[in-house]
Protein backbone atom coordinates (compact mmCIF):
# COMPACT_ATOMS: atom_id res chain seq x y z
CA MET A 1 105.19 70.62 124.35
CA ARG A 2 106.95 67.31 123.71
CA PHE A 3 106.86 66.48 127.44
CA GLU A 4 103.13 67.25 127.63
CA ILE A 5 102.41 64.97 124.68
CA SER A 6 104.43 62.19 126.32
CA LYS A 7 102.39 62.58 129.51
CA VAL A 8 99.07 62.28 127.71
CA LEU A 9 100.29 59.24 125.74
CA ASP A 10 101.23 57.63 129.04
CA ALA A 11 97.71 58.35 130.32
CA ILE A 12 96.18 56.86 127.16
CA GLU A 13 98.39 53.79 127.55
CA GLY A 14 96.68 53.09 130.86
CA ARG A 15 93.36 52.78 129.01
CA VAL A 16 94.29 50.24 126.32
CA CYS A 17 94.26 46.53 127.07
CA THR A 18 93.37 43.14 125.64
CA ASP A 19 92.07 41.81 128.96
CA PRO A 20 88.59 40.39 128.24
CA SER A 21 87.44 41.13 131.80
CA LEU A 22 88.25 44.85 131.69
CA ALA A 23 87.82 46.09 128.08
CA ARG A 24 84.58 48.04 127.54
CA ALA A 25 84.61 48.52 123.74
CA VAL A 26 86.56 47.49 120.62
CA LEU A 27 88.06 49.82 118.01
CA ASP A 28 90.44 49.90 115.05
CA LEU A 29 93.29 52.22 116.02
CA ALA A 30 94.34 52.89 112.42
CA GLU A 31 90.84 54.23 111.77
CA VAL A 32 90.51 56.32 114.95
CA ILE A 33 93.80 58.20 114.55
CA ARG A 34 92.55 59.61 111.21
CA TYR A 35 89.34 61.18 112.57
CA GLN A 36 90.72 64.58 111.56
CA ASP A 37 87.38 66.31 112.12
CA LEU A 38 87.63 65.65 115.87
CA ASP A 39 90.36 68.24 116.37
CA GLY A 40 91.16 69.80 112.98
CA GLY A 41 94.79 68.77 113.40
CA ARG A 42 97.30 66.77 111.38
CA PRO A 43 96.23 63.79 109.22
CA ALA A 44 97.01 61.16 111.88
CA SER A 45 97.32 61.65 115.64
CA LEU A 46 97.41 59.17 118.48
CA LEU A 47 95.82 61.81 120.71
CA ARG A 48 92.49 61.15 118.97
CA LEU A 49 92.41 57.77 120.68
CA GLY A 50 92.41 59.66 123.98
CA MET A 51 89.53 61.83 122.79
CA VAL A 52 87.46 58.77 121.88
CA ILE A 53 88.30 57.08 125.20
CA ASP A 54 87.16 60.20 127.07
CA ALA A 55 83.93 60.19 125.07
CA LEU A 56 83.33 56.55 126.01
CA ALA A 57 83.94 57.35 129.69
CA ARG A 58 81.39 60.18 129.50
CA GLU A 59 78.90 57.91 127.76
CA LEU A 60 79.29 55.11 130.31
CA GLU A 61 79.60 57.56 133.25
CA GLU A 62 82.63 55.66 134.52
CA ASP A 63 86.28 56.60 134.98
CA SER A 64 89.27 54.58 133.76
CA VAL A 65 87.40 52.91 130.89
CA PRO A 66 89.77 50.63 128.91
CA VAL A 67 89.33 49.86 125.21
CA TYR A 68 90.42 46.83 123.18
CA ALA A 69 92.38 48.20 120.21
CA VAL A 70 93.25 46.26 117.07
CA VAL A 71 96.02 47.76 114.96
CA HIS A 72 96.84 47.37 111.28
CA ARG A 73 100.45 46.25 110.91
CA ALA A 74 101.20 49.20 108.62
CA LEU A 75 100.54 51.61 111.48
CA LEU A 76 103.83 50.61 113.09
CA SER A 77 105.66 52.46 110.30
CA ASP A 78 103.01 55.06 109.36
CA ALA A 79 104.84 58.27 108.36
CA ASP A 80 101.80 60.39 109.29
CA LEU A 81 102.47 59.63 112.96
CA THR A 82 105.37 61.20 114.80
CA SER A 83 108.39 59.02 115.56
CA ASN A 84 107.40 59.09 119.24
CA GLU A 85 103.85 57.94 118.42
CA ARG A 86 105.16 55.08 116.28
CA MET A 87 107.47 54.04 119.11
CA VAL A 88 104.56 54.10 121.56
CA VAL A 89 102.33 51.93 119.32
CA ARG A 90 105.18 49.44 118.82
CA ARG A 91 105.66 49.25 122.57
CA TRP A 92 101.95 48.63 123.06
CA ALA A 93 102.17 45.82 120.50
CA ASP A 94 105.22 44.28 122.17
CA ASP A 95 103.58 44.49 125.59
CA GLY A 96 100.38 42.83 124.33
CA LEU A 97 98.24 45.90 125.06
CA VAL A 98 96.96 45.93 121.46
CA GLU A 99 96.61 43.36 118.68
CA VAL A 100 98.64 43.87 115.50
CA LEU A 101 96.94 42.41 112.43
CA ASP A 102 96.81 42.44 108.64
CA ASN A 103 93.00 42.66 108.60
CA PRO A 104 91.84 44.44 111.77
CA GLY A 105 88.25 45.09 110.61
CA ASP A 106 87.15 41.45 110.73
CA ARG A 107 89.00 40.83 113.98
CA MET A 108 87.43 43.89 115.60
CA VAL A 109 83.93 42.54 115.02
CA GLU A 110 84.98 39.00 115.99
CA VAL A 111 86.31 40.25 119.34
CA ALA A 112 83.11 42.23 119.91
CA ASP A 113 81.07 39.08 119.26
CA LEU A 114 83.20 36.80 121.43
CA LEU A 115 83.30 39.23 124.37
CA GLY A 116 79.90 40.92 123.98
CA LEU A 117 81.43 44.39 123.57
CA PRO A 118 80.29 47.41 121.52
CA VAL A 119 82.29 48.40 118.41
CA LEU A 120 83.42 52.02 117.92
CA THR A 121 83.76 52.63 114.18
CA ARG A 122 82.52 54.81 111.31
CA VAL A 123 83.02 51.99 108.81
CA ARG A 124 79.87 50.33 107.55
CA THR A 125 79.60 46.70 108.64
CA ASP A 126 76.88 45.60 106.20
CA GLY A 127 78.94 42.77 104.73
CA LEU A 128 79.34 41.12 108.15
CA ARG A 129 75.70 41.12 109.21
CA GLY A 130 75.09 37.58 108.02
CA ARG A 131 77.78 36.28 110.37
CA TYR A 132 76.98 38.68 113.20
CA PRO A 133 73.21 39.39 113.31
CA TRP A 134 73.58 41.61 116.40
CA LEU A 135 75.06 44.26 114.11
CA VAL A 136 71.43 44.96 113.10
CA GLU A 137 69.50 43.71 116.12
CA GLN A 138 71.35 45.73 118.77
CA PRO A 139 71.91 49.34 117.56
CA GLY A 140 74.05 50.30 120.56
CA ARG A 141 76.60 47.62 119.69
CA VAL A 142 78.02 49.55 116.68
CA LEU A 143 78.65 53.25 117.29
CA ALA A 144 80.34 55.95 115.21
CA PRO A 145 82.48 58.53 117.06
CA VAL A 146 81.58 61.98 115.65
CA PRO A 147 82.40 65.59 116.61
CA GLY A 148 80.23 67.01 119.38
CA ALA A 149 79.89 70.29 121.26
CA GLY A 150 81.98 69.12 124.24
CA GLY A 151 84.17 66.64 122.39
CA PRO A 152 83.44 63.43 120.48
CA ALA A 153 80.02 61.82 120.83
CA PHE A 154 78.54 58.56 119.53
CA VAL A 155 75.87 57.92 116.91
CA ALA A 156 74.39 54.47 116.33
CA HIS A 157 74.85 53.02 112.85
CA VAL A 158 71.36 51.48 112.86
CA GLY A 159 68.18 52.57 114.60
CA GLY A 160 67.78 54.93 117.52
CA GLY A 161 69.72 55.36 120.72
CA HIS A 162 73.42 55.80 121.13
CA THR A 163 74.46 54.48 124.54
CA PRO A 164 77.05 51.69 124.15
CA VAL A 165 75.41 48.32 124.75
CA SER A 166 77.36 45.37 126.11
CA GLY A 167 75.87 42.01 125.26
CA ASP A 168 76.56 38.50 126.48
CA ARG A 169 79.63 36.66 125.33
CA SER A 170 78.85 34.37 122.43
CA PRO A 171 78.84 30.58 123.09
CA ALA A 172 82.15 30.38 121.21
CA GLY A 173 83.56 33.16 123.39
CA VAL A 174 82.51 31.42 126.59
CA LYS A 175 84.17 28.21 125.43
CA LEU A 176 87.39 29.89 124.26
CA LEU A 177 87.71 31.93 127.45
CA SER A 178 87.41 28.85 129.65
CA ARG A 179 90.85 27.64 128.50
CA GLN A 180 94.42 28.94 128.46
CA TRP A 181 96.18 29.05 125.08
CA ARG A 182 99.81 29.02 123.99
CA CYS A 183 101.28 30.30 120.74
CA PRO A 184 104.19 28.28 119.26
CA GLU A 185 105.85 31.51 118.10
CA PRO A 186 108.58 32.56 120.59
CA GLY A 187 107.81 35.69 122.59
CA CYS A 188 104.17 36.03 121.51
CA ALA A 189 102.85 38.97 123.53
CA LEU A 190 99.25 37.70 123.44
CA PHE A 191 99.61 33.97 124.08
CA GLY A 192 103.14 33.61 125.39
CA GLY A 193 105.40 35.26 127.91
CA GLY A 194 104.86 38.77 126.56
CA GLY A 195 107.32 41.48 125.69
CA GLY A 196 109.14 39.51 123.01
CA GLY A 197 109.61 42.22 120.39
CA SER A 198 112.03 45.06 119.82
CA PHE A 199 110.98 46.70 123.11
CA ALA A 200 111.32 43.53 125.22
CA ASP A 201 113.53 45.34 127.72
CA LEU A 202 110.79 47.93 128.25
CA ALA A 203 107.91 45.43 128.64
CA ARG A 204 105.84 46.28 131.69
CA VAL A 205 102.99 43.80 131.33
CA GLU A 206 102.91 40.61 133.37
CA ARG A 207 99.99 38.89 131.71
CA SER A 208 97.93 36.66 133.95
CA PRO A 209 96.47 33.63 132.16
CA ALA A 210 93.05 35.00 133.13
CA ALA A 211 93.83 38.15 131.13
CA GLN A 212 94.54 36.40 127.82
CA PRO A 213 92.55 37.80 124.89
CA PRO A 214 90.18 35.51 122.98
CA PRO A 215 91.82 33.47 120.21
CA SER A 216 90.69 34.01 116.65
CA LEU A 217 88.63 31.21 115.12
CA ARG A 218 89.87 30.10 111.70
CA GLY A 219 88.19 27.05 110.30
CA GLY A 220 86.89 26.38 113.81
CA ALA A 221 90.42 26.17 115.24
CA PRO A 222 91.72 28.58 117.94
CA THR A 223 94.39 30.65 116.20
CA CYS A 224 96.81 33.39 117.22
CA PRO A 225 95.45 36.51 115.47
CA ARG A 226 98.91 38.06 115.25
CA HIS A 227 100.92 35.09 113.92
CA GLY A 228 98.17 33.13 112.16
CA VAL A 229 99.22 29.82 113.74
CA ARG A 230 97.14 27.31 115.63
CA LEU A 231 97.23 27.68 119.41
CA GLY A 232 97.89 24.88 121.86
CA ASP A 233 95.48 24.18 124.72
CA ALA A 234 97.33 24.82 128.01
CA GLY A 235 94.51 23.78 130.34
CA PRO A 236 91.67 25.50 132.19
CA ARG A 237 91.81 29.25 132.61
CA PRO A 238 92.11 30.33 136.26
CA ARG A 239 88.98 31.51 137.97
CA SER A 240 88.60 35.26 138.12
CA GLU A 241 86.26 37.88 139.52
CA VAL A 242 85.87 41.50 138.48
CA LEU A 243 85.40 44.07 141.23
CA ALA A 244 84.92 47.82 140.99
CA VAL A 245 85.65 50.81 143.20
CA ARG A 246 82.81 53.31 143.64
CA VAL A 247 83.65 56.74 145.05
CA GLY A 248 81.12 59.55 145.32
CA GLY A 249 78.46 57.56 143.48
CA LEU A 250 80.65 56.78 140.43
CA ILE A 251 82.60 53.70 139.40
CA ARG A 252 86.19 54.91 139.26
CA ARG A 253 88.08 51.73 138.45
CA ARG A 254 87.62 48.00 137.84
CA PHE A 255 90.14 45.32 138.77
CA VAL A 256 90.43 41.56 138.41
CA LEU A 257 91.02 39.00 141.17
CA THR A 258 92.42 35.53 140.54
CA GLU A 259 93.36 32.85 143.04
CA ASP A 260 97.07 33.64 142.63
CA ARG A 261 96.63 37.43 142.42
CA PRO A 262 95.02 39.05 145.45
CA ALA A 263 94.59 42.83 145.52
CA LEU A 264 95.34 45.44 148.17
CA VAL A 265 93.04 48.48 148.09
CA GLY A 266 93.67 51.67 149.99
CA ARG A 267 94.77 55.27 149.90
CA ALA A 268 98.18 54.36 148.38
CA PRO A 269 99.14 50.67 148.75
CA ASP A 270 102.85 49.82 148.60
CA GLN A 271 102.18 46.50 146.83
CA ALA A 272 102.83 46.40 143.08
CA GLY A 273 99.46 46.38 141.35
CA GLY A 274 97.69 47.78 144.41
CA ILE A 275 94.47 49.73 143.84
CA VAL A 276 95.15 53.41 144.67
CA LEU A 277 92.15 55.46 145.79
CA GLY A 278 93.86 58.65 146.97
CA GLN A 279 93.17 60.71 143.84
CA TRP A 280 89.40 60.36 144.35
CA LEU A 281 89.20 60.96 148.12
CA ASN A 282 88.41 64.13 150.04
CA ASP A 283 90.61 65.17 152.96
CA GLU A 284 88.51 63.45 155.62
CA ALA A 285 88.40 60.18 153.67
CA ARG A 286 92.20 60.33 153.18
CA ARG A 287 92.65 60.61 156.94
CA TRP A 288 90.37 57.64 157.62
CA ILE A 289 91.41 55.24 154.86
CA SER A 290 94.77 53.54 155.45
CA ARG A 291 97.49 53.30 152.81
CA SER A 292 96.54 49.61 152.55
CA HIS A 293 93.01 49.29 153.88
CA VAL A 294 91.54 45.98 152.67
CA ARG A 295 92.85 42.89 150.90
CA PHE A 296 90.69 40.95 148.46
CA GLU A 297 91.38 37.29 147.66
CA LEU A 298 89.65 34.68 145.54
CA ARG A 299 89.47 31.32 147.28
CA VAL A 300 87.65 28.37 145.74
CA GLY A 301 85.45 30.74 143.78
CA GLU A 302 84.57 32.97 146.75
CA VAL A 303 85.68 36.57 147.21
CA ILE A 304 87.21 37.08 150.66
CA VAL A 305 87.88 40.53 152.10
CA THR A 306 90.26 41.08 155.01
CA ASP A 307 90.54 44.42 156.77
CA VAL A 308 94.23 45.34 157.12
CA SER A 309 93.62 48.93 158.26
CA THR A 310 93.77 50.69 161.61
CA ASN A 311 90.21 52.08 161.49
CA GLY A 312 88.16 49.15 160.24
CA SER A 313 85.55 49.04 157.49
CA GLY A 314 82.15 47.49 156.90
CA ILE A 315 79.97 45.27 154.73
CA ARG A 316 76.66 46.38 153.28
CA PRO A 317 74.77 43.10 152.68
CA GLY A 318 72.82 43.15 149.44
CA GLY A 319 73.97 46.72 148.84
CA SER A 320 71.65 48.11 151.52
CA MET A 321 72.57 51.65 152.53
CA ALA A 322 70.53 51.50 155.75
CA GLU A 323 72.90 52.08 158.65
CA SER A 324 71.17 49.38 160.69
CA ASP A 325 72.12 46.79 158.03
CA ARG A 326 75.82 47.67 157.97
CA VAL A 327 78.03 44.87 159.34
CA PRO A 328 81.28 46.17 160.89
CA LEU A 329 84.53 44.62 159.71
CA ALA A 330 87.18 45.05 162.39
CA PRO A 331 90.92 45.24 161.67
CA LYS A 332 92.37 41.79 160.81
CA GLN A 333 88.84 40.38 160.38
CA SER A 334 87.86 38.50 157.18
CA ARG A 335 84.50 37.87 155.57
CA VAL A 336 83.06 36.37 152.37
CA VAL A 337 81.73 39.02 149.98
CA ALA A 338 78.46 37.47 148.79
CA GLU A 339 76.60 38.40 145.62
CA GLY A 340 75.21 41.90 146.02
CA ASP A 341 77.42 42.82 148.99
CA MET A 342 79.46 46.03 149.05
CA VAL A 343 82.59 46.57 151.13
CA GLU A 344 82.53 50.11 152.55
CA LEU A 345 85.87 51.67 153.51
CA TYR A 346 84.34 55.05 154.34
CA PRO A 347 80.93 56.62 153.60
CA GLY A 348 80.72 56.97 149.82
CA VAL A 349 83.73 54.69 149.18
CA GLN A 350 82.54 51.18 148.29
CA ILE A 351 83.86 48.12 146.46
CA GLY A 352 81.74 45.41 144.90
CA ARG A 353 80.83 43.67 141.67
CA PRO A 354 80.36 46.28 138.91
CA GLY A 355 76.79 45.38 137.94
CA GLU A 356 75.66 45.60 141.57
CA LEU A 357 77.02 49.05 142.38
CA PRO A 358 74.37 51.79 142.10
CA ALA A 359 75.25 54.85 140.02
CA GLY A 360 73.56 58.09 139.05
CA ALA A 361 75.76 60.76 140.59
CA PRO A 362 76.70 63.88 138.56
CA TYR A 363 79.64 62.86 136.41
CA THR A 364 82.92 64.77 136.14
CA PRO A 365 85.25 62.93 133.73
CA ASN A 366 88.74 61.97 134.81
CA SER A 367 90.11 62.81 131.38
CA VAL A 368 93.13 61.12 129.82
CA MET A 369 93.51 64.31 127.76
CA ALA A 370 94.02 66.56 130.78
CA GLU A 371 97.74 66.84 130.03
CA ALA A 372 97.30 67.41 126.28
CA PRO A 373 98.80 70.67 124.95
CA THR A 374 96.16 73.25 124.04
CA MET A 375 97.22 73.49 120.41
CA ALA A 376 96.57 69.77 119.95
CA MET A 377 93.00 70.10 121.16
CA ARG A 378 91.54 72.49 118.56
CA LEU A 379 87.88 71.69 118.09
CA PRO A 380 86.09 72.44 114.81
CA ARG A 381 83.70 75.36 114.91
């Protein structure tokens, strides 16, 4: 039982991040863990975060959906969690995967505004509507996770509809995310080197400057939300580009390119940080797609793909699926991936910009709760 819980917590860990390019929704972890009606279990459980993440993946019809979690400082010593759960949350905090705050509610809505993300909460946000008018104007931006027949579902706080709505980043968010920031506090996991807390020796996050979260604005000044101190401007943020892998008609994973961080994509790349496709491929696709099949690079703002396979790949200009439009990409050949283009490794296995990849296939969730012990998954009748 203990081993199974550890496995599911590891799976959940892969879906929490403070990377503004990858996060798909914002939530308050201290609130979510107490949604006792989701499973009828103990007063607080970190497994409920996994249930909400799975619900978001079902709602968005996309695998590997990360969430941006803010955490009340008291949660690090909450006696309602198990000692293992408290250790896991502290590690997430030390690795910069979550934000630890004294007032997470305000920060949760601020992050949603800066990044244009939906908020997952049951707490009423009436008192913030003057500062954030989208809380009323866009019903899908504030959603309450509630029990459903097949697991948690979402209900909009205001108006009709329930699908999570992502908006545009606010002007302040665009400005803040154009710069790098440094916290004067040593070992700040959000705006420093990362991994500076009690679990520094276990830190696994190498934070790219492009993955820094948005600073908090206090009196108009960029501020570290964790330490409450003013941040220093460390220069322009590196250019970045978000790409997504589409297999069988579904987006399975997103990843970020920067000019100093290329990405290898294939069946099972050896490179650290490589994008592994093997778990989504059928037998024929596994035989065709090389361990490392294509390399993506960002050069002077352009996405360059190089085929490093033995079988070659192809480009579908403008996303056209007509076979006559497909442009072969031979081994060792490179090409610019223009807006709308898809790189095709094998029929049904494409890579492109997320908003340009067609969807609509029947969705089978890749659940983070697959390893959860049965007794921890009791659903209310």
